[in-house]
Amino acid sequence: MAKDLTVALEDRPGTLAALGEALGKAGVNIEGICGIPAGGKGVMHVLVGDAAAARRALQQAGIQVTAEQDVLVLDLQDKPGALGAAARKIANAGVNVTLIYLATRTRAVIGASDLAKARAAVGA
């Protein structure tokens, strides 16, 4: 099962390259990624299939993994309204989406207040 790792990077040239190189050398594929600046740091969310190997590789490279969470990885059609329809089902189930970003192959990565209810709502 894919996991989302939250990673803290210094906000300077080369830190994203170091993250990619560390995971690549460990044979860990990045299935999805997003990042935002936050007070002189970069907060990254990285979707990986092997969280333990990714965590080890990043820590060995001096990159701080601050959190790990299970996420819903949802196949979406690449067309207008696809995300809205899926998000509406989750909302109608009374579940709050706490994280979302796109991954490879038009997939949405969703963190939620109740992952089991979110999965059931979208039939995943």
C-alpha atoms as a PDB file:
ATOM      1  CA  MET A   1       0.000   0.000   0.000  1.00  0.00           C
ATOM      2  CA  ALA A   2       1.303   3.447  -0.871  1.00  0.00           C
ATOM      3  CA  LYS A   3       2.122   5.833   1.965  1.00  0.00           C
ATOM      4  CA  ASP A   4       2.468   9.588   2.142  1.00  0.00           C
ATOM      5  CA  LEU A   5       5.638  10.826   3.817  1.00  0.00           C
ATOM      6  CA  THR A   6       5.864  14.408   5.010  1.00  0.00           C
ATOM      7  CA  VAL A   7       9.413  15.659   4.569  1.00  0.00           C
ATOM      8  CA  ALA A   8      11.045  18.905   5.698  1.00  0.00           C
ATOM      9  CA  LEU A   9      13.614  20.389   3.314  1.00  0.00           C
ATOM     10  CA  GLU A  10      15.697  23.524   3.613  1.00  0.00           C
ATOM     11  CA  ASP A  11      14.398  26.162   1.197  1.00  0.00           C
ATOM     12  CA  ARG A  12      17.542  26.391  -0.959  1.00  0.00           C
ATOM     13  CA  PRO A  13      18.868  25.067  -4.263  1.00  0.00           C
ATOM     14  CA  GLY A  14      19.685  21.350  -4.355  1.00  0.00           C
ATOM     15  CA  THR A  15      17.492  19.986  -1.577  1.00  0.00           C
ATOM     16  CA  LEU A  16      14.858  18.593  -3.946  1.00  0.00           C
ATOM     17  CA  ALA A  17      17.636  17.040  -6.019  1.00  0.00           C
ATOM     18  CA  ALA A  18      19.045  15.411  -2.876  1.00  0.00           C
ATOM     19  CA  LEU A  19      15.620  13.956  -2.039  1.00  0.00           C
ATOM     20  CA  GLY A  20      15.210  12.540  -5.542  1.00  0.00           C
ATOM     21  CA  GLU A  21      18.739  11.161  -5.636  1.00  0.00           C
ATOM     22  CA  ALA A  22      18.451   9.500  -2.217  1.00  0.00           C
ATOM     23  CA  LEU A  23      15.219   7.748  -3.152  1.00  0.00           C
ATOM     24  CA  GLY A  24      16.529   6.814  -6.593  1.00  0.00           C
ATOM     25  CA  LYS A  25      19.714   5.260  -5.191  1.00  0.00           C
ATOM     26  CA  ALA A  26      17.564   3.217  -2.795  1.00  0.00           C
ATOM     27  CA  GLY A  27      15.354   2.014  -5.658  1.00  0.00           C
ATOM     28  CA  VAL A  28      12.285   3.799  -4.258  1.00  0.00           C
ATOM     29  CA  ASN A  29       9.944   5.183  -6.916  1.00  0.00           C
ATOM     30  CA  ILE A  30       8.264   8.528  -6.296  1.00  0.00           C
ATOM     31  CA  GLU A  31       4.634   7.928  -7.264  1.00  0.00           C
ATOM     32  CA  GLY A  32       3.454  11.438  -6.380  1.00  0.00           C
ATOM     33  CA  ILE A  33       4.920  14.587  -4.873  1.00  0.00           C
ATOM     34  CA  CYS A  34       3.940  18.100  -3.899  1.00  0.00           C
ATOM     35  CA  GLY A  35       5.618  20.800  -1.906  1.00  0.00           C
ATOM     36  CA  ILE A  36       5.039  24.238  -0.472  1.00  0.00           C
ATOM     37  CA  PRO A  37       7.306  26.768   1.232  1.00  0.00           C
ATOM     38  CA  ALA A  38       6.715  27.237   4.950  1.00  0.00           C
ATOM     39  CA  GLY A  39       8.837  29.646   6.954  1.00  0.00           C
ATOM     40  CA  GLY A  40      12.203  29.032   5.312  1.00  0.00           C
ATOM     41  CA  LYS A  41      11.542  25.318   4.870  1.00  0.00           C
ATOM     42  CA  GLY A  42       9.965  23.313   2.136  1.00  0.00           C
ATOM     43  CA  VAL A  43       7.219  20.968   3.284  1.00  0.00           C
ATOM     44  CA  MET A  44       6.999  18.068   0.859  1.00  0.00           C
ATOM     45  CA  HIS A  45       4.494  15.250   0.598  1.00  0.00           C
ATOM     46  CA  VAL A  46       5.950  12.220  -1.170  1.00  0.00           C
ATOM     47  CA  LEU A  47       3.900   9.175  -2.185  1.00  0.00           C
ATOM     48  CA  VAL A  48       5.940   5.957  -2.085  1.00  0.00           C
ATOM     49  CA  GLY A  49       5.197   2.256  -2.193  1.00  0.00           C
ATOM     50  CA  ASP A  50       7.877   1.240   0.316  1.00  0.00           C
ATOM     51  CA  ALA A  51       7.733   3.729   3.175  1.00  0.00           C
ATOM     52  CA  ALA A  52      10.344   1.943   5.310  1.00  0.00           C
ATOM     53  CA  ALA A  53      12.947   1.971   2.521  1.00  0.00           C
ATOM     54  CA  ALA A  54      12.123   5.583   1.674  1.00  0.00           C
ATOM     55  CA  ARG A  55      12.405   6.666   5.304  1.00  0.00           C
ATOM     56  CA  ARG A  56      15.785   4.918   5.679  1.00  0.00           C
ATOM     57  CA  ALA A  57      17.140   6.432   2.461  1.00  0.00           C
ATOM     58  CA  LEU A  58      16.020   9.939   3.354  1.00  0.00           C
ATOM     59  CA  GLN A  59      17.327   9.751   6.907  1.00  0.00           C
ATOM     60  CA  GLN A  60      20.695   8.475   5.648  1.00  0.00           C
ATOM     61  CA  ALA A  61      20.807  11.502   3.345  1.00  0.00           C
ATOM     62  CA  GLY A  62      20.133  13.807   6.297  1.00  0.00           C
ATOM     63  CA  ILE A  63      16.587  14.582   5.185  1.00  0.00           C
ATOM     64  CA  GLN A  64      14.003  14.781   7.942  1.00  0.00           C
ATOM     65  CA  VAL A  65      10.810  12.736   7.601  1.00  0.00           C
ATOM     66  CA  THR A  66       8.329  14.385   9.945  1.00  0.00           C
ATOM     67  CA  ALA A  67       5.257  12.189   9.406  1.00  0.00           C
ATOM     68  CA  GLU A  68       3.912   9.125   7.636  1.00  0.00           C
ATOM     69  CA  GLN A  69       0.286   8.432   6.882  1.00  0.00           C
ATOM     70  CA  ASP A  70      -1.978   6.057   5.032  1.00  0.00           C
ATOM     71  CA  VAL A  71      -3.761   7.769   2.171  1.00  0.00           C
ATOM     72  CA  LEU A  72      -6.452   7.010  -0.349  1.00  0.00           C
ATOM     73  CA  VAL A  73      -5.004   6.810  -3.865  1.00  0.00           C
ATOM     74  CA  LEU A  74      -7.890   7.272  -6.225  1.00  0.00           C
ATOM     75  CA  ASP A  75      -7.867   6.785  -9.997  1.00  0.00           C
ATOM     76  CA  LEU A  76      -9.523   9.774 -11.648  1.00  0.00           C
ATOM     77  CA  GLN A  77     -10.566  10.345 -15.233  1.00  0.00           C
ATOM     78  CA  ASP A  78      -8.692  13.260 -16.781  1.00  0.00           C
ATOM     79  CA  LYS A  79     -11.791  15.333 -17.479  1.00  0.00           C
ATOM     80  CA  PRO A  80     -13.591  18.335 -16.015  1.00  0.00           C
ATOM     81  CA  GLY A  81     -15.582  17.540 -12.883  1.00  0.00           C
ATOM     82  CA  ALA A  82     -13.880  14.250 -11.985  1.00  0.00           C
ATOM     83  CA  LEU A  83     -12.309  15.585  -8.797  1.00  0.00           C
ATOM     84  CA  GLY A  84     -15.475  17.428  -7.817  1.00  0.00           C
ATOM     85  CA  ALA A  85     -17.562  14.267  -8.133  1.00  0.00           C
ATOM     86  CA  ALA A  86     -15.184  12.220  -5.979  1.00  0.00           C
ATOM     87  CA  ALA A  87     -14.842  14.990  -3.401  1.00  0.00           C
ATOM     88  CA  ARG A  88     -18.635  15.358  -3.210  1.00  0.00           C
ATOM     89  CA  LYS A  89     -19.013  11.652  -2.376  1.00  0.00           C
ATOM     90  CA  ILE A  90     -16.449  12.002   0.397  1.00  0.00           C
ATOM     91  CA  ALA A  91     -18.123  15.157   1.729  1.00  0.00           C
ATOM     92  CA  ASN A  92     -21.547  13.516   1.641  1.00  0.00           C
ATOM     93  CA  ALA A  93     -20.110  10.755   3.845  1.00  0.00           C
ATOM     94  CA  GLY A  94     -19.226  13.452   6.409  1.00  0.00           C
ATOM     95  CA  VAL A  95     -15.482  13.085   5.908  1.00  0.00           C
ATOM     96  CA  ASN A  96     -13.071  16.025   5.873  1.00  0.00           C
ATOM     97  CA  VAL A  97     -10.280  15.949   3.284  1.00  0.00           C
ATOM     98  CA  THR A  98      -7.051  16.977   5.042  1.00  0.00           C
ATOM     99  CA  LEU A  99      -4.605  16.538   2.152  1.00  0.00           C
ATOM    100  CA  ILE A 100      -4.808  16.286  -1.610  1.00  0.00           C
ATOM    101  CA  TYR A 101      -2.346  16.260  -4.480  1.00  0.00           C
ATOM    102  CA  LEU A 102      -2.029  14.574  -7.839  1.00  0.00           C
ATOM    103  CA  ALA A 103       0.156  11.560  -8.484  1.00  0.00           C
ATOM    104  CA  THR A 104       1.325   9.774 -11.597  1.00  0.00           C
ATOM    105  CA  ARG A 105      -1.243   8.237 -13.956  1.00  0.00           C
ATOM    106  CA  THR A 106      -3.977  10.782 -13.057  1.00  0.00           C
ATOM    107  CA  ARG A 107      -4.438   9.617  -9.502  1.00  0.00           C
ATOM    108  CA  ALA A 108      -5.474  11.777  -6.563  1.00  0.00           C
ATOM    109  CA  VAL A 109      -3.767  11.240  -3.219  1.00  0.00           C
ATOM    110  CA  ILE A 110      -6.206  12.014  -0.425  1.00  0.00           C
ATOM    111  CA  GLY A 111      -5.657  12.237   3.308  1.00  0.00           C
ATOM    112  CA  ALA A 112      -8.891  12.288   5.291  1.00  0.00           C
ATOM    113  CA  SER A 113     -10.267  12.519   8.809  1.00  0.00           C
ATOM    114  CA  ASP A 114     -11.759   9.028   8.382  1.00  0.00           C
ATOM    115  CA  LEU A 115      -9.942   7.101   5.661  1.00  0.00           C
ATOM    116  CA  ALA A 116     -12.195   4.034   5.840  1.00  0.00           C
ATOM    117  CA  LYS A 117     -15.337   6.141   5.316  1.00  0.00           C
ATOM    118  CA  ALA A 118     -13.651   8.044   2.467  1.00  0.00           C
ATOM    119  CA  ARG A 119     -12.705   4.769   0.746  1.00  0.00           C
ATOM    120  CA  ALA A 120     -16.237   3.416   1.134  1.00  0.00           C
ATOM    121  CA  ALA A 121     -17.739   6.659  -0.186  1.00  0.00           C
ATOM    122  CA  VAL A 122     -15.817   6.466  -3.469  1.00  0.00           C
ATOM    123  CA  GLY A 123     -15.919   2.680  -3.750  1.00  0.00           C
ATOM    124  CA  ALA A 124     -12.159   2.234  -3.435  1.00  0.00           C
END
